C-alpha atoms as a PDB file:
ATOM      1  CA  UNK A   1      23.655  45.152 -57.595  1.00  0.00           C
ATOM      2  CA  UNK A   2      26.737  44.974 -56.412  1.00  0.00           C
ATOM      3  CA  UNK A   3      27.478  42.579 -53.533  1.00  0.00           C
ATOM      4  CA  UNK A   4      28.736  43.512 -50.033  1.00  0.00           C
ATOM      5  CA  UNK A   5      31.111  40.865 -48.955  1.00  0.00           C
ATOM      6  CA  UNK A   6      32.852  41.175 -44.884  1.00  0.00           C
ATOM      7  CA  UNK A   7      35.566  39.458 -43.678  1.00  0.00           C
ATOM      8  CA  UNK A   8      35.904  36.304 -41.615  1.00  0.00           C
ATOM      9  CA  UNK A   9      38.685  35.418 -39.240  1.00  0.00           C
ATOM     10  CA  UNK A  10      40.000  33.594 -41.454  1.00  0.00           C
ATOM     11  CA  UNK A  11      40.056  35.924 -44.655  1.00  0.00           C
ATOM     12  CA  UNK A  12      37.083  34.226 -46.400  1.00  0.00           C
ATOM     13  CA  UNK A  13      34.600  37.100 -47.970  1.00  0.00           C
ATOM     14  CA  UNK A  14      30.923  35.977 -46.635  1.00  0.00           C
ATOM     15  CA  UNK A  15      28.285  37.947 -47.876  1.00  0.00           C
ATOM     16  CA  UNK A  16      24.534  37.989 -46.834  1.00  0.00           C
ATOM     17  CA  UNK A  17      21.415  36.558 -49.055  1.00  0.00           C
ATOM     18  CA  UNK A  18      19.820  40.320 -49.353  1.00  0.00           C
ATOM     19  CA  UNK A  19      22.641  41.047 -50.614  1.00  0.00           C
ATOM     20  CA  UNK A  20      23.895  37.979 -53.315  1.00  0.00           C
ATOM     21  CA  UNK A  21      23.600  38.989 -57.042  1.00  0.00           C
ATOM     22  CA  UNK A  22      20.662  37.291 -58.602  1.00  0.00           C
ATOM     23  CA  UNK A  23      23.778  35.520 -61.610  1.00  0.00           C
ATOM     24  CA  UNK A  24      25.579  34.122 -58.270  1.00  0.00           C
ATOM     25  CA  UNK A  25      26.686  30.084 -58.734  1.00  0.00           C
ATOM     26  CA  UNK A  26      25.813  28.521 -55.659  1.00  0.00           C
ATOM     27  CA  UNK A  27      27.583  25.611 -54.109  1.00  0.00           C
ATOM     28  CA  UNK A  28      25.209  23.817 -51.531  1.00  0.00           C
ATOM     29  CA  UNK A  29      27.337  21.219 -49.195  1.00  0.00           C
ATOM     30  CA  UNK A  30      24.708  20.238 -47.473  1.00  0.00           C
ATOM     31  CA  UNK A  31      23.569  16.025 -47.473  1.00  0.00           C
ATOM     32  CA  UNK A  32      21.595  14.442 -49.938  1.00  0.00           C
ATOM     33  CA  UNK A  33      18.240  14.255 -47.744  1.00  0.00           C
ATOM     34  CA  UNK A  34      18.395  18.100 -47.148  1.00  0.00           C
ATOM     35  CA  UNK A  35      19.560  18.564 -50.741  1.00  0.00           C
ATOM     36  CA  UNK A  36      16.428  17.161 -51.784  1.00  0.00           C
ATOM     37  CA  UNK A  37      13.731  18.821 -49.293  1.00  0.00           C
ATOM     38  CA  UNK A  38      14.595  21.949 -50.876  1.00  0.00           C
ATOM     39  CA  UNK A  39      17.295  23.552 -52.358  1.00  0.00           C
ATOM     40  CA  UNK A  40      18.357  26.878 -54.676  1.00  0.00           C
ATOM     41  CA  UNK A  41      17.453  26.181 -58.417  1.00  0.00           C
ATOM     42  CA  UNK A  42      20.623  25.505 -60.356  1.00  0.00           C
ATOM     43  CA  UNK A  43      22.717  25.597 -57.976  1.00  0.00           C
ATOM     44  CA  UNK A  44      25.572  23.111 -57.914  1.00  0.00           C
ATOM     45  CA  UNK A  45      25.134  19.662 -54.893  1.00  0.00           C
ATOM     46  CA  UNK A  46      28.880  18.420 -53.898  1.00  0.00           C
ATOM     47  CA  UNK A  47      27.633  17.256 -50.178  1.00  0.00           C
ATOM     48  CA  UNK A  48      31.239  18.880 -47.728  1.00  0.00           C
ATOM     49  CA  UNK A  49      32.566  15.674 -47.538  1.00  0.00           C
ATOM     50  CA  UNK A  50      33.451  15.056 -51.302  1.00  0.00           C
ATOM     51  CA  UNK A  51      34.098  18.319 -52.332  1.00  0.00           C
ATOM     52  CA  UNK A  52      37.693  16.988 -52.681  1.00  0.00           C
ATOM     53  CA  UNK A  53      36.950  14.019 -54.873  1.00  0.00           C
ATOM     54  CA  UNK A  54      34.784  16.075 -57.058  1.00  0.00           C
ATOM     55  CA  UNK A  55      36.291  19.059 -57.423  1.00  0.00           C
ATOM     56  CA  UNK A  56      36.593  18.514 -61.023  1.00  0.00           C
ATOM     57  CA  UNK A  57      32.408  18.719 -61.086  1.00  0.00           C
ATOM     58  CA  UNK A  58      32.901  22.716 -59.911  1.00  0.00           C
ATOM     59  CA  UNK A  59      31.972  25.415 -61.888  1.00  0.00           C
ATOM     60  CA  UNK A  60      34.762  28.205 -62.740  1.00  0.00           C
ATOM     61  CA  UNK A  61      34.626  31.722 -61.303  1.00  0.00           C
ATOM     62  CA  UNK A  62      33.531  32.545 -58.542  1.00  0.00           C
ATOM     63  CA  UNK A  63      31.761  30.309 -55.971  1.00  0.00           C
ATOM     64  CA  UNK A  64      29.271  30.989 -53.294  1.00  0.00           C
ATOM     65  CA  UNK A  65      29.092  28.197 -50.585  1.00  0.00           C
ATOM     66  CA  UNK A  66      25.563  27.116 -48.420  1.00  0.00           C
ATOM     67  CA  UNK A  67      25.083  24.542 -46.256  1.00  0.00           C
ATOM     68  CA  UNK A  68      21.741  24.560 -43.618  1.00  0.00           C
ATOM     69  CA  UNK A  69      22.993  27.719 -41.476  1.00  0.00           C
ATOM     70  CA  UNK A  70      26.822  28.956 -42.258  1.00  0.00           C
ATOM     71  CA  UNK A  71      29.387  26.385 -40.552  1.00  0.00           C
ATOM     72  CA  UNK A  72      29.783  23.502 -42.906  1.00  0.00           C
ATOM     73  CA  UNK A  73      30.111  26.461 -45.830  1.00  0.00           C
ATOM     74  CA  UNK A  74      32.592  28.629 -43.779  1.00  0.00           C
ATOM     75  CA  UNK A  75      34.561  25.650 -43.432  1.00  0.00           C
ATOM     76  CA  UNK A  76      34.135  24.089 -47.544  1.00  0.00           C
ATOM     77  CA  UNK A  77      34.739  27.475 -48.017  1.00  0.00           C
ATOM     78  CA  UNK A  78      38.443  27.905 -46.021  1.00  0.00           C
ATOM     79  CA  UNK A  79      39.218  24.929 -47.178  1.00  0.00           C
ATOM     80  CA  UNK A  80      38.067  26.067 -51.360  1.00  0.00           C
ATOM     81  CA  UNK A  81      40.183  29.149 -50.650  1.00  0.00           C
ATOM     82  CA  UNK A  82      43.476  28.117 -49.378  1.00  0.00           C
ATOM     83  CA  UNK A  83      42.945  25.573 -52.393  1.00  0.00           C
ATOM     84  CA  UNK A  84      42.750  28.393 -54.454  1.00  0.00           C
ATOM     85  CA  UNK A  85      39.581  28.830 -55.174  1.00  0.00           C
ATOM     86  CA  UNK A  86      37.042  32.193 -55.312  1.00  0.00           C
ATOM     87  CA  UNK A  87      34.808  31.702 -52.688  1.00  0.00           C
ATOM     88  CA  UNK A  88      31.836  33.519 -50.731  1.00  0.00           C
ATOM     89  CA  UNK A  89      30.888  32.123 -47.898  1.00  0.00           C
ATOM     90  CA  UNK A  90      26.348  32.559 -47.682  1.00  0.00           C
ATOM     91  CA  UNK A  91      26.019  33.783 -44.031  1.00  0.00           C
ATOM     92  CA  UNK A  92      22.923  32.238 -42.370  1.00  0.00           C
ATOM     93  CA  UNK A  93      23.027  29.426 -45.341  1.00  0.00           C
ATOM     94  CA  UNK A  94      19.849  27.926 -46.946  1.00  0.00           C
ATOM     95  CA  UNK A  95      17.867  28.899 -43.172  1.00  0.00           C
ATOM     96  CA  UNK A  96      18.531  32.528 -44.185  1.00  0.00           C
ATOM     97  CA  UNK A  97      17.447  31.826 -48.013  1.00  0.00           C
ATOM     98  CA  UNK A  98      14.217  30.928 -46.868  1.00  0.00           C
ATOM     99  CA  UNK A  99      13.628  33.538 -43.937  1.00  0.00           C
ATOM    100  CA  UNK A 100      14.284  35.826 -46.527  1.00  0.00           C
ATOM    101  CA  UNK A 101      11.060  34.480 -48.348  1.00  0.00           C
ATOM    102  CA  UNK A 102      14.181  33.401 -51.608  1.00  0.00           C
ATOM    103  CA  UNK A 103      12.615  30.665 -53.705  1.00  0.00           C
ATOM    104  CA  UNK A 104      13.406  27.303 -53.631  1.00  0.00           C
ATOM    105  CA  UNK A 105      13.083  24.258 -55.367  1.00  0.00           C
ATOM    106  CA  UNK A 106      12.786  19.979 -53.904  1.00  0.00           C
ATOM    107  CA  UNK A 107      13.403  16.553 -55.453  1.00  0.00           C
ATOM    108  CA  UNK A 108       9.767  15.440 -54.207  1.00  0.00           C
ATOM    109  CA  UNK A 109       8.220  17.673 -55.502  1.00  0.00           C
ATOM    110  CA  UNK A 110       6.535  18.610 -52.945  1.00  0.00           C
ATOM    111  CA  UNK A 111       6.594  21.904 -51.118  1.00  0.00           C
ATOM    112  CA  UNK A 112      10.168  22.369 -50.433  1.00  0.00           C
ATOM    113  CA  UNK A 113      11.704  23.328 -47.276  1.00  0.00           C
ATOM    114  CA  UNK A 114      14.771  23.668 -45.529  1.00  0.00           C
ATOM    115  CA  UNK A 115      15.515  20.409 -43.213  1.00  0.00           C
END
């Protein structure tokens, strides 16, 4: 499936959860407690406030940035784009992911949920 993208007013590409490619590299910028409660299996976790200091941990290539609802990921994607990264904001974030019935894992082994 090819990814369908739109662009926000600042020129950052945005994609819906339904259009997210199965092999997408996801960067989750939520806080530690949110991540522990439930996240996308295989996602990279770097909280928004730590991104500038942890750039070496980011995978190469296109990053699909996600948070709980889309605000933090949008701001992070804008910053990363200004600094030369290929980014896409995931519209609706983990809330949209969960509403779409997409799989999640938790750090506690309990049923994952979006915090």
